[in-house]
């Protein structure tokens, strides 16, 4: 249940942040960037930010866990391991990363597609230009 709420919070934050960049994305398209390149760029930016958040979150969480484990070991006289379950931690981190990247890419794609200020590039003949 907690992981679901966390994923929802990540998605909502990314959607809000990407949605506020509509004008920036429209400028990129007007400057010649393709929609696919913009979506890929937003996905990479979002993935980088999510990865940084994961690394910083672990850096902040592990020292208090080690201190708590040390205190419990002293108080109870039994060894308490300060290491969280690696599989569960990796699953949570991977899920957050995936949700963030997908939310950013989908929001960017919708923002670029729905922007009325984004002109369609056309040849002089009137046909739509091929995008790479």
N, C-alpha and C. Protein backbone atom coordinates (compact mmCIF):
# COMPACT_ATOMS: atom_id res chain seq x y z
N UNK A 1 0.82 -1.19 0.00
CA UNK A 1 0.00 0.00 0.00
C UNK A 1 0.87 1.25 0.00
N UNK A 2 1.89 1.25 0.82
CA UNK A 2 2.79 2.40 0.90
C UNK A 2 3.53 2.62 -0.41
N UNK A 3 3.95 1.53 -1.05
CA UNK A 3 4.65 1.65 -2.32
C UNK A 3 3.74 2.23 -3.40
N UNK A 4 2.48 1.87 -3.37
CA UNK A 4 1.52 2.43 -4.33
C UNK A 4 1.34 3.92 -4.15
N UNK A 5 1.27 4.36 -2.90
CA UNK A 5 1.16 5.79 -2.64
C UNK A 5 2.45 6.51 -3.04
N UNK A 6 3.58 5.87 -2.82
CA UNK A 6 4.85 6.46 -3.23
C UNK A 6 4.94 6.61 -4.74
N UNK A 7 4.52 5.58 -5.46
CA UNK A 7 4.53 5.65 -6.93
C UNK A 7 3.58 6.73 -7.43
N UNK A 8 2.42 6.85 -6.79
CA UNK A 8 1.46 7.89 -7.16
C UNK A 8 2.04 9.28 -6.91
N UNK A 9 2.75 9.44 -5.81
CA UNK A 9 3.36 10.74 -5.50
C UNK A 9 4.45 11.08 -6.50
N UNK A 10 5.25 10.09 -6.88
CA UNK A 10 6.30 10.31 -7.88
C UNK A 10 5.67 10.71 -9.20
N UNK A 11 4.67 9.98 -9.63
CA UNK A 11 4.01 10.27 -10.91
C UNK A 11 3.37 11.66 -10.90
N UNK A 12 2.69 12.00 -9.82
CA UNK A 12 2.04 13.31 -9.73
C UNK A 12 3.05 14.44 -9.77
N UNK A 13 4.16 14.26 -9.08
CA UNK A 13 5.21 15.29 -9.09
C UNK A 13 5.82 15.47 -10.46
N UNK A 14 6.08 14.37 -11.14
CA UNK A 14 6.68 14.44 -12.48
C UNK A 14 5.70 15.04 -13.48
N UNK A 15 4.44 14.65 -13.40
CA UNK A 15 3.43 15.19 -14.31
C UNK A 15 3.30 16.70 -14.10
N UNK A 16 3.28 17.14 -12.86
CA UNK A 16 3.17 18.58 -12.58
C UNK A 16 4.39 19.33 -13.09
N UNK A 17 5.57 18.78 -12.86
CA UNK A 17 6.80 19.46 -13.29
C UNK A 17 6.90 19.52 -14.81
N UNK A 18 6.56 18.43 -15.47
CA UNK A 18 6.64 18.40 -16.93
C UNK A 18 5.53 19.24 -17.55
N UNK A 19 4.36 19.24 -16.95
CA UNK A 19 3.25 20.02 -17.48
C UNK A 19 3.51 21.52 -17.46
N UNK A 20 4.31 21.98 -16.52
CA UNK A 20 4.61 23.41 -16.46
C UNK A 20 5.63 23.82 -17.52
N UNK A 21 6.20 22.87 -18.21
CA UNK A 21 7.21 23.17 -19.23
C UNK A 21 6.65 23.19 -20.64
N UNK A 22 5.34 23.28 -20.80
CA UNK A 22 4.73 23.28 -22.13
C UNK A 22 5.33 24.34 -23.04
N UNK A 23 5.47 25.54 -22.54
CA UNK A 23 6.01 26.62 -23.38
C UNK A 23 7.45 26.32 -23.79
N UNK A 24 8.23 25.77 -22.88
CA UNK A 24 9.61 25.41 -23.20
C UNK A 24 9.66 24.34 -24.29
N UNK A 25 8.79 23.36 -24.17
CA UNK A 25 8.75 22.29 -25.16
C UNK A 25 8.30 22.81 -26.51
N UNK A 26 7.35 23.74 -26.52
CA UNK A 26 6.90 24.34 -27.78
C UNK A 26 8.03 25.12 -28.45
N UNK A 27 8.84 25.79 -27.66
CA UNK A 27 9.99 26.53 -28.21
C UNK A 27 10.99 25.55 -28.84
N UNK A 28 11.21 24.43 -28.19
CA UNK A 28 12.13 23.43 -28.75
C UNK A 28 11.63 22.91 -30.09
N UNK A 29 10.33 22.65 -30.19
CA UNK A 29 9.77 22.18 -31.46
C UNK A 29 9.89 23.26 -32.52
N UNK A 30 9.59 24.50 -32.14
CA UNK A 30 9.70 25.61 -33.09
C UNK A 30 11.14 25.80 -33.55
N UNK A 31 12.09 25.44 -32.71
CA UNK A 31 13.51 25.56 -33.07
C UNK A 31 13.99 24.40 -33.92
N UNK A 32 13.13 23.40 -34.13
CA UNK A 32 13.48 22.30 -35.02
C UNK A 32 13.63 20.94 -34.37
N UNK A 33 13.44 20.86 -33.07
CA UNK A 33 13.55 19.56 -32.41
C UNK A 33 12.33 18.71 -32.74
N UNK A 34 12.55 17.44 -32.96
CA UNK A 34 11.43 16.55 -33.25
C UNK A 34 10.73 16.17 -31.96
N UNK A 35 9.49 15.74 -32.09
CA UNK A 35 8.74 15.34 -30.90
C UNK A 35 9.40 14.15 -30.21
N UNK A 36 9.90 13.22 -30.99
CA UNK A 36 10.55 12.04 -30.40
C UNK A 36 11.79 12.44 -29.61
N UNK A 37 12.56 13.37 -30.13
CA UNK A 37 13.77 13.82 -29.42
C UNK A 37 13.39 14.53 -28.13
N UNK A 38 12.33 15.33 -28.16
CA UNK A 38 11.91 16.03 -26.95
C UNK A 38 11.44 15.04 -25.89
N UNK A 39 10.65 14.06 -26.30
CA UNK A 39 10.17 13.05 -25.34
C UNK A 39 11.35 12.28 -24.77
N UNK A 40 12.32 11.91 -25.61
CA UNK A 40 13.49 11.19 -25.12
C UNK A 40 14.31 12.04 -24.16
N UNK A 41 14.45 13.32 -24.48
CA UNK A 41 15.21 14.22 -23.60
C UNK A 41 14.54 14.36 -22.25
N UNK A 42 13.22 14.53 -22.25
CA UNK A 42 12.50 14.63 -20.98
C UNK A 42 12.62 13.33 -20.20
N UNK A 43 12.56 12.20 -20.89
CA UNK A 43 12.69 10.90 -20.20
C UNK A 43 14.06 10.77 -19.56
N UNK A 44 15.11 11.18 -20.27
CA UNK A 44 16.47 11.10 -19.71
C UNK A 44 16.62 12.06 -18.53
N UNK A 45 16.09 13.27 -18.67
CA UNK A 45 16.16 14.23 -17.56
C UNK A 45 15.44 13.70 -16.32
N UNK A 46 14.27 13.14 -16.54
CA UNK A 46 13.49 12.61 -15.42
C UNK A 46 14.18 11.41 -14.79
N UNK A 47 14.74 10.54 -15.64
CA UNK A 47 15.48 9.39 -15.12
C UNK A 47 16.70 9.79 -14.31
N UNK A 48 17.39 10.83 -14.78
CA UNK A 48 18.57 11.32 -14.05
C UNK A 48 18.15 11.88 -12.69
N UNK A 49 17.09 12.66 -12.67
CA UNK A 49 16.61 13.23 -11.41
C UNK A 49 16.14 12.13 -10.45
N UNK A 50 15.45 11.13 -10.98
CA UNK A 50 14.97 10.03 -10.12
C UNK A 50 16.14 9.22 -9.58
N UNK A 51 17.14 8.97 -10.42
CA UNK A 51 18.32 8.23 -9.96
C UNK A 51 19.05 9.00 -8.86
N UNK A 52 19.19 10.30 -9.05
CA UNK A 52 19.82 11.12 -8.02
C UNK A 52 19.02 11.07 -6.72
N UNK A 53 17.70 11.12 -6.84
CA UNK A 53 16.86 11.01 -5.66
C UNK A 53 17.01 9.67 -4.94
N UNK A 54 17.14 8.61 -5.72
CA UNK A 54 17.33 7.28 -5.13
C UNK A 54 18.65 7.21 -4.37
N UNK A 55 19.71 7.70 -5.01
CA UNK A 55 21.04 7.66 -4.39
C UNK A 55 21.07 8.51 -3.12
N UNK A 56 20.53 9.73 -3.20
CA UNK A 56 20.52 10.60 -2.02
C UNK A 56 19.62 10.04 -0.93
N UNK A 57 18.49 9.44 -1.31
CA UNK A 57 17.61 8.83 -0.32
C UNK A 57 18.28 7.70 0.43
N UNK A 58 19.03 6.87 -0.30
CA UNK A 58 19.77 5.79 0.36
C UNK A 58 20.88 6.35 1.25
N UNK A 59 21.54 7.39 0.78
CA UNK A 59 22.62 7.99 1.57
C UNK A 59 22.09 8.59 2.87
N UNK A 60 20.87 9.08 2.85
CA UNK A 60 20.27 9.66 4.05
C UNK A 60 19.67 8.57 4.95
N UNK A 61 19.19 7.48 4.39
CA UNK A 61 18.49 6.46 5.18
C UNK A 61 19.42 5.44 5.83
N UNK A 62 20.52 5.10 5.18
CA UNK A 62 21.36 4.01 5.69
C UNK A 62 22.07 4.36 7.01
N UNK A 63 22.67 5.55 7.19
CA UNK A 63 23.33 5.83 8.49
C UNK A 63 22.40 5.73 9.70
N UNK A 64 21.17 6.28 9.66
CA UNK A 64 20.30 6.08 10.82
C UNK A 64 19.92 4.62 11.04
N UNK A 65 19.78 3.85 9.96
CA UNK A 65 19.50 2.42 10.13
C UNK A 65 20.67 1.72 10.82
N UNK A 66 21.87 2.08 10.45
CA UNK A 66 23.06 1.49 11.09
C UNK A 66 23.12 1.87 12.57
N UNK A 67 22.81 3.12 12.88
CA UNK A 67 22.82 3.56 14.28
C UNK A 67 21.73 2.84 15.08
N UNK A 68 20.56 2.69 14.49
CA UNK A 68 19.47 1.99 15.16
C UNK A 68 19.83 0.53 15.40
N UNK A 69 20.43 -0.11 14.40
CA UNK A 69 20.84 -1.51 14.56
C UNK A 69 21.90 -1.65 15.65
N UNK A 70 22.81 -0.70 15.70
CA UNK A 70 23.85 -0.75 16.73
C UNK A 70 23.23 -0.60 18.13
N UNK A 71 22.29 0.34 18.25
CA UNK A 71 21.63 0.53 19.54
C UNK A 71 20.82 -0.68 19.95
N UNK A 72 20.11 -1.28 19.00
CA UNK A 72 19.34 -2.49 19.32
C UNK A 72 20.25 -3.65 19.69
N UNK A 73 21.39 -3.76 19.01
CA UNK A 73 22.34 -4.83 19.35
C UNK A 73 22.86 -4.66 20.77
N UNK A 74 23.15 -3.43 21.13
CA UNK A 74 23.65 -3.16 22.48
C UNK A 74 22.56 -3.41 23.52
N UNK A 75 21.35 -2.99 23.23
CA UNK A 75 20.26 -3.12 24.20
C UNK A 75 19.80 -4.57 24.37
N UNK A 76 19.80 -5.35 23.30
CA UNK A 76 19.28 -6.71 23.40
C UNK A 76 20.36 -7.76 23.56
N UNK A 77 21.60 -7.41 23.23
CA UNK A 77 22.67 -8.39 23.34
C UNK A 77 22.74 -9.36 22.17
N UNK A 78 21.94 -9.15 21.17
CA UNK A 78 21.98 -9.99 19.97
C UNK A 78 22.37 -9.13 18.77
N UNK A 79 22.94 -9.78 17.78
CA UNK A 79 23.36 -9.05 16.59
C UNK A 79 22.15 -8.67 15.74
N UNK A 80 22.07 -7.41 15.40
CA UNK A 80 21.00 -6.91 14.53
C UNK A 80 21.67 -6.32 13.29
N UNK A 81 21.29 -6.85 12.15
CA UNK A 81 21.91 -6.38 10.90
C UNK A 81 21.26 -5.07 10.45
N UNK A 82 22.07 -4.07 10.12
CA UNK A 82 21.51 -2.79 9.70
C UNK A 82 21.15 -2.74 8.21
N UNK A 83 21.37 -3.85 7.51
CA UNK A 83 21.19 -3.85 6.07
C UNK A 83 19.73 -4.12 5.72
N UNK A 84 19.11 -3.20 4.97
CA UNK A 84 17.74 -3.47 4.51
C UNK A 84 17.77 -4.56 3.44
N UNK A 85 16.64 -5.18 3.21
CA UNK A 85 16.55 -6.22 2.19
C UNK A 85 16.89 -5.61 0.83
N UNK A 86 17.94 -6.09 0.21
CA UNK A 86 18.43 -5.53 -1.05
C UNK A 86 17.41 -5.72 -2.17
N UNK A 87 16.75 -6.86 -2.21
CA UNK A 87 15.77 -7.12 -3.25
C UNK A 87 14.59 -6.16 -3.19
N UNK A 88 14.06 -5.95 -2.00
CA UNK A 88 12.93 -5.05 -1.84
C UNK A 88 13.35 -3.62 -2.14
N UNK A 89 14.54 -3.23 -1.69
CA UNK A 89 15.04 -1.89 -1.95
C UNK A 89 15.24 -1.66 -3.44
N UNK A 90 15.81 -2.65 -4.12
CA UNK A 90 16.02 -2.53 -5.57
C UNK A 90 14.69 -2.48 -6.32
N UNK A 91 13.73 -3.27 -5.88
CA UNK A 91 12.40 -3.25 -6.50
C UNK A 91 11.74 -1.89 -6.33
N UNK A 92 11.80 -1.34 -5.13
CA UNK A 92 11.20 -0.02 -4.88
C UNK A 92 11.90 1.06 -5.70
N UNK A 93 13.22 1.03 -5.74
CA UNK A 93 13.98 2.03 -6.50
C UNK A 93 13.70 1.90 -8.00
N UNK A 94 13.69 0.69 -8.51
CA UNK A 94 13.40 0.46 -9.92
C UNK A 94 12.00 0.88 -10.30
N UNK A 95 11.04 0.60 -9.42
CA UNK A 95 9.66 1.00 -9.68
C UNK A 95 9.53 2.51 -9.72
N UNK A 96 10.16 3.18 -8.77
CA UNK A 96 10.12 4.66 -8.76
C UNK A 96 10.76 5.22 -10.02
N UNK A 97 11.88 4.65 -10.43
CA UNK A 97 12.56 5.12 -11.64
C UNK A 97 11.68 4.91 -12.87
N UNK A 98 11.09 3.74 -12.99
CA UNK A 98 10.22 3.43 -14.13
C UNK A 98 8.99 4.33 -14.17
N UNK A 99 8.35 4.52 -13.02
CA UNK A 99 7.17 5.37 -12.96
C UNK A 99 7.53 6.81 -13.32
N UNK A 100 8.65 7.29 -12.82
CA UNK A 100 9.06 8.67 -13.11
C UNK A 100 9.34 8.86 -14.59
N UNK A 101 10.09 7.95 -15.19
CA UNK A 101 10.43 8.07 -16.62
C UNK A 101 9.17 7.98 -17.48
N UNK A 102 8.31 7.03 -17.20
CA UNK A 102 7.07 6.89 -17.97
C UNK A 102 6.17 8.11 -17.82
N UNK A 103 6.03 8.60 -16.60
CA UNK A 103 5.17 9.78 -16.38
C UNK A 103 5.74 10.99 -17.11
N UNK A 104 7.05 11.17 -17.07
CA UNK A 104 7.66 12.30 -17.76
C UNK A 104 7.51 12.19 -19.27
N UNK A 105 7.75 11.01 -19.80
CA UNK A 105 7.67 10.82 -21.26
C UNK A 105 6.24 10.98 -21.76
N UNK A 106 5.29 10.39 -21.06
CA UNK A 106 3.88 10.49 -21.50
C UNK A 106 3.40 11.93 -21.40
N UNK A 107 3.74 12.62 -20.32
CA UNK A 107 3.32 14.00 -20.16
C UNK A 107 3.96 14.90 -21.21
N UNK A 108 5.24 14.68 -21.50
CA UNK A 108 5.91 15.47 -22.53
C UNK A 108 5.29 15.21 -23.90
N UNK A 109 5.00 13.96 -24.20
CA UNK A 109 4.39 13.63 -25.48
C UNK A 109 3.03 14.29 -25.63
N UNK A 110 2.25 14.26 -24.58
CA UNK A 110 0.93 14.91 -24.63
C UNK A 110 1.06 16.41 -24.71
N UNK A 111 2.02 16.98 -24.00
CA UNK A 111 2.20 18.44 -24.01
C UNK A 111 2.64 18.92 -25.39
N UNK A 112 3.54 18.19 -26.02
CA UNK A 112 4.03 18.59 -27.33
C UNK A 112 2.94 18.38 -28.39
N UNK A 113 2.23 17.26 -28.30
CA UNK A 113 1.19 16.96 -29.29
C UNK A 113 0.01 17.92 -29.18
N UNK A 114 -0.37 18.28 -27.96
CA UNK A 114 -1.57 19.08 -27.78
C UNK A 114 -1.30 20.58 -27.86
N UNK A 115 -0.05 20.96 -27.94
CA UNK A 115 0.28 22.38 -27.97
C UNK A 115 -0.16 22.98 -29.30
N UNK A 116 -1.04 23.95 -29.25
CA UNK A 116 -1.51 24.57 -30.48
C UNK A 116 -0.47 25.50 -31.08
N UNK A 117 0.55 25.85 -30.29
CA UNK A 117 1.58 26.75 -30.81
C UNK A 117 2.69 26.01 -31.53
N UNK A 118 2.57 24.69 -31.63
CA UNK A 118 3.60 23.91 -32.30
C UNK A 118 3.20 23.71 -33.76
N UNK A 119 3.89 24.39 -34.66
CA UNK A 119 3.53 24.22 -36.07
C UNK A 119 4.05 22.90 -36.61
N UNK A 120 3.30 22.32 -37.52
CA UNK A 120 3.73 21.10 -38.21
C UNK A 120 4.70 21.51 -39.31
N UNK A 121 5.86 20.90 -39.37
CA UNK A 121 6.82 21.24 -40.42
C UNK A 121 6.35 20.63 -41.72
N UNK A 122 6.37 21.43 -42.79
CA UNK A 122 5.90 20.98 -44.09
C UNK A 122 6.88 21.38 -45.17
N UNK A 123 6.89 20.57 -46.22
CA UNK A 123 7.65 20.91 -47.43
C UNK A 123 6.93 22.03 -48.17
N UNK A 124 7.60 22.59 -49.11
CA UNK A 124 6.96 23.63 -49.93
C UNK A 124 5.76 23.06 -50.69
N UNK A 125 5.78 21.76 -50.93
CA UNK A 125 4.66 21.14 -51.66
C UNK A 125 3.41 21.01 -50.80
N UNK A 126 3.54 21.24 -49.51
CA UNK A 126 2.39 21.14 -48.62
C UNK A 126 2.32 19.84 -47.86
N UNK A 127 3.17 18.87 -48.23
CA UNK A 127 3.18 17.59 -47.51
C UNK A 127 3.95 17.74 -46.20
N UNK A 128 3.61 16.91 -45.23
CA UNK A 128 4.32 16.93 -43.95
C UNK A 128 5.76 16.48 -44.14
N UNK A 129 6.67 17.14 -43.46
CA UNK A 129 8.09 16.80 -43.55
C UNK A 129 8.37 15.51 -42.82
N UNK A 130 9.35 14.75 -43.32
CA UNK A 130 9.76 13.52 -42.64
C UNK A 130 10.58 13.88 -41.42
N UNK A 131 10.26 13.29 -40.30
CA UNK A 131 11.00 13.58 -39.06
C UNK A 131 11.92 12.41 -38.74
N UNK A 132 13.10 12.73 -38.35
CA UNK A 132 14.10 11.72 -38.02
C UNK A 132 14.13 11.45 -36.56
